[in-house]
Amino acid sequence: MQSVNLKLLILLAVLTIGGIGGVYAVHEFQVYRNADNLLALARERAEEGRSEEALGLYVRYIGLRNDDKQARAEFAKLMLRKVGATRASKASNAQAYDALETAVRMNPDDDNLREQLAGFLYRTGNFTESRQHFGLIRDHRLTNPGASEAKEEAVSEGEKKRKPPTPDHLINLRYATSCAGMGRYDE
């Protein structure tokens, strides 16, 4: 009778498991490294005005790094510009809404992003959600006075182009017009 070489079997098992783990680690490293390149290329294409290409690159990047809040916000703003520049289809509006909603959920304190979402909702006739978001902006500014000014001072050089926060009286006006759109004239 032949016996199984137990030492050889254990050695093969350890080498197989180690090889699989090593291949997985190298793959994850390559994906992580290439994701940074995709993001840089997407930003470059967006600056060049090649929005369609930039959107595709952002989609690929977000597929690899789903938790990047800044990239989500950039993607949402680019989608919003795309649907605002042309007469967009319902599918494009839905994609823009999904991108904005996800970006706002990931960046709940970004009043500028929330304001863009609320304005988009208002323009598409969704007064209920528009009112809700304008109300959240208004409440956030009431509980954190000066937060928008402090945020403006802390922006990086790349974000200097960003428009300043909307004055409180305009947020209140947009909240009121959303209420009127809903038929809630008492508010």
Protein backbone atom coordinates (compact mmCIF):
# COMPACT_ATOMS: atom_id res chain seq x y z
CA MET A 1 0.00 0.00 0.00
CA GLN A 2 1.14 3.49 -0.83
CA SER A 3 0.90 6.30 1.67
CA VAL A 4 0.17 9.94 0.96
CA ASN A 5 3.13 12.25 1.36
CA LEU A 6 1.55 14.56 3.92
CA LYS A 7 4.43 17.05 3.95
CA LEU A 8 4.21 17.52 0.18
CA LEU A 9 0.43 17.92 0.32
CA ILE A 10 0.66 20.62 3.03
CA LEU A 11 3.43 22.42 1.14
CA LEU A 12 1.33 22.45 -2.05
CA ALA A 13 -1.70 23.78 -0.16
CA VAL A 14 0.32 26.57 1.48
CA LEU A 15 1.93 27.54 -1.85
CA THR A 16 -1.45 27.57 -3.62
CA ILE A 17 -3.10 29.71 -0.95
CA GLY A 18 -0.10 32.05 -0.85
CA GLY A 19 -0.06 32.35 -4.64
CA ILE A 20 -3.76 33.16 -4.78
CA GLY A 21 -3.35 35.77 -2.02
CA GLY A 22 -0.38 37.32 -3.80
CA VAL A 23 -2.20 37.55 -7.13
CA TYR A 24 -5.19 39.15 -5.35
CA ALA A 25 -2.95 41.71 -3.61
CA VAL A 26 -1.18 42.65 -6.85
CA HIS A 27 -4.55 42.96 -8.63
CA GLU A 28 -5.96 45.26 -5.93
CA PHE A 29 -2.83 47.40 -6.04
CA GLN A 30 -3.07 47.75 -9.83
CA VAL A 31 -6.78 48.64 -9.66
CA TYR A 32 -6.10 51.24 -6.95
CA ARG A 33 -3.25 52.78 -8.95
CA ASN A 34 -5.17 52.83 -12.21
CA ALA A 35 -8.22 54.39 -10.53
CA ASP A 36 -6.15 57.47 -9.68
CA ASN A 37 -5.15 57.75 -13.33
CA LEU A 38 -8.80 57.52 -14.40
CA LEU A 39 -9.77 60.32 -12.04
CA ALA A 40 -6.95 62.56 -13.24
CA LEU A 41 -7.92 61.89 -16.84
CA ALA A 42 -11.61 62.57 -16.11
CA ARG A 43 -10.77 65.91 -14.52
CA GLU A 44 -8.52 66.80 -17.43
CA ARG A 45 -11.24 65.97 -19.98
CA ALA A 46 -13.79 68.00 -18.01
CA GLU A 47 -11.48 71.04 -18.00
CA GLU A 48 -10.98 70.65 -21.76
CA GLY A 49 -14.75 70.73 -22.24
CA ARG A 50 -14.98 67.11 -23.35
CA SER A 51 -17.88 66.32 -21.05
CA GLU A 52 -19.04 63.05 -22.58
CA GLU A 53 -15.58 61.54 -22.31
CA ALA A 54 -15.18 62.89 -18.78
CA LEU A 55 -18.52 61.40 -17.71
CA GLY A 56 -17.50 57.98 -19.01
CA LEU A 57 -14.21 58.18 -17.13
CA TYR A 58 -15.97 59.27 -13.93
CA VAL A 59 -18.36 56.31 -14.24
CA ARG A 60 -15.43 53.92 -14.57
CA TYR A 61 -13.63 55.56 -11.64
CA ILE A 62 -16.69 55.45 -9.38
CA GLY A 63 -17.09 51.78 -10.29
CA LEU A 64 -13.63 51.19 -8.85
CA ARG A 65 -13.82 53.63 -5.91
CA ASN A 66 -17.42 53.89 -4.87
CA ASP A 67 -16.69 55.79 -1.65
CA ASP A 68 -14.90 58.87 -3.09
CA LYS A 69 -17.12 61.77 -1.99
CA GLN A 70 -15.31 64.46 -3.95
CA ALA A 71 -15.39 62.52 -7.21
CA ARG A 72 -19.11 61.84 -6.71
CA ALA A 73 -19.74 65.57 -6.29
CA GLU A 74 -17.69 66.41 -9.40
CA PHE A 75 -19.53 63.76 -11.41
CA ALA A 76 -22.92 65.05 -10.23
CA LYS A 77 -22.05 68.64 -11.17
CA LEU A 78 -20.86 67.51 -14.59
CA MET A 79 -24.11 65.56 -15.11
CA LEU A 80 -26.09 68.61 -14.08
CA ARG A 81 -24.22 70.76 -16.59
CA LYS A 82 -24.91 68.18 -19.29
CA VAL A 83 -28.67 68.15 -18.74
CA GLY A 84 -28.77 71.92 -18.29
CA ALA A 85 -26.96 72.63 -21.55
CA THR A 86 -29.43 70.81 -23.78
CA ARG A 87 -33.01 69.68 -23.76
CA ALA A 88 -32.38 66.45 -21.89
CA SER A 89 -34.35 63.25 -22.11
CA LYS A 90 -36.13 61.72 -19.14
CA ALA A 91 -33.36 59.14 -18.88
CA SER A 92 -30.67 61.86 -18.73
CA ASN A 93 -32.66 63.77 -16.11
CA ALA A 94 -33.03 60.57 -14.08
CA GLN A 95 -29.29 59.91 -14.28
CA ALA A 96 -28.52 63.47 -13.21
CA TYR A 97 -30.97 63.18 -10.32
CA ASP A 98 -29.43 59.88 -9.18
CA ALA A 99 -25.92 61.32 -9.37
CA LEU A 100 -26.91 64.49 -7.46
CA GLU A 101 -28.90 62.61 -4.84
CA THR A 102 -26.03 60.20 -4.17
CA ALA A 103 -23.49 63.04 -4.01
CA VAL A 104 -25.67 64.98 -1.56
CA ARG A 105 -26.16 61.87 0.57
CA MET A 106 -22.38 61.39 0.69
CA ASN A 107 -21.72 65.13 1.31
CA PRO A 108 -24.60 66.19 3.58
CA ASP A 109 -22.94 69.44 4.73
CA ASP A 110 -22.21 70.73 1.22
CA ASP A 111 -24.89 73.41 0.90
CA ASN A 112 -23.81 74.40 -2.63
CA LEU A 113 -24.29 70.83 -3.89
CA ARG A 114 -27.61 70.52 -2.06
CA GLU A 115 -28.71 73.84 -3.56
CA GLN A 116 -27.92 72.55 -7.05
CA LEU A 117 -30.01 69.45 -6.36
CA ALA A 118 -32.88 71.55 -5.01
CA GLY A 119 -32.75 73.86 -8.03
CA PHE A 120 -32.73 70.87 -10.38
CA LEU A 121 -35.74 69.41 -8.59
CA TYR A 122 -37.53 72.75 -8.77
CA ARG A 123 -36.86 73.07 -12.52
CA THR A 124 -38.17 69.55 -13.14
CA GLY A 125 -41.36 70.28 -11.17
CA ASN A 126 -40.60 68.21 -8.07
CA PHE A 127 -41.61 70.94 -5.61
CA THR A 128 -41.97 68.61 -2.62
CA GLU A 129 -38.36 67.46 -2.60
CA SER A 130 -37.15 70.89 -3.71
CA ARG A 131 -38.86 72.45 -0.68
CA GLN A 132 -37.34 69.82 1.57
CA HIS A 133 -33.79 70.50 0.37
CA PHE A 134 -34.14 74.29 0.45
CA GLY A 135 -35.51 73.89 3.98
CA LEU A 136 -32.49 71.80 4.98
CA ILE A 137 -30.13 74.45 3.60
CA ARG A 138 -32.03 77.16 5.46
CA ASP A 139 -32.01 75.18 8.72
CA HIS A 140 -28.32 74.33 8.34
CA ARG A 141 -27.44 77.98 7.91
CA LEU A 142 -29.56 78.97 10.90
CA THR A 143 -27.88 76.43 13.17
CA ASN A 144 -24.38 77.09 11.77
CA PRO A 145 -24.14 80.81 11.12
CA GLY A 146 -20.98 81.70 9.23
CA ALA A 147 -20.38 78.09 8.14
CA SER A 148 -20.69 78.97 4.48
CA GLU A 149 -18.18 81.83 4.82
CA ALA A 150 -15.71 79.63 6.70
CA LYS A 151 -16.10 76.96 4.06
CA GLU A 152 -15.35 79.49 1.32
CA GLU A 153 -12.10 80.50 3.05
CA ALA A 154 -10.99 76.89 3.32
CA VAL A 155 -11.40 75.98 -0.37
CA SER A 156 -8.40 74.89 -2.39
CA GLU A 157 -6.97 76.79 -5.34
CA GLY A 158 -8.73 74.47 -7.77
CA GLU A 159 -12.09 75.38 -6.30
CA LYS A 160 -11.64 79.16 -6.39
CA LYS A 161 -13.79 79.14 -9.55
CA ARG A 162 -16.73 77.88 -7.49
CA LYS A 163 -19.55 80.35 -7.12
CA PRO A 164 -20.07 81.86 -3.67
CA PRO A 165 -22.94 80.59 -1.54
CA THR A 166 -26.38 81.92 -2.34
CA PRO A 167 -27.52 84.60 0.13
CA ASP A 168 -30.00 83.50 2.77
CA HIS A 169 -32.81 85.68 1.43
CA LEU A 170 -32.63 83.90 -1.94
CA ILE A 171 -32.72 80.49 -0.25
CA ASN A 172 -35.83 81.64 1.64
CA LEU A 173 -37.37 82.88 -1.60
CA ARG A 174 -36.68 79.57 -3.34
CA TYR A 175 -38.15 77.73 -0.35
CA ALA A 176 -41.27 79.90 -0.59
CA THR A 177 -41.65 79.37 -4.34
CA SER A 178 -41.32 75.62 -3.82
CA CYS A 179 -44.10 75.82 -1.22
CA ALA A 180 -46.22 77.80 -3.69
CA GLY A 181 -45.56 75.18 -6.37
CA MET A 182 -46.94 72.59 -3.96
CA GLY A 183 -49.97 74.73 -3.22
CA ARG A 184 -48.90 75.31 0.39
CA TYR A 185 -49.43 79.03 0.44
CA ASP A 186 -49.62 79.19 4.22
CA GLU A 187 -45.88 78.52 4.49
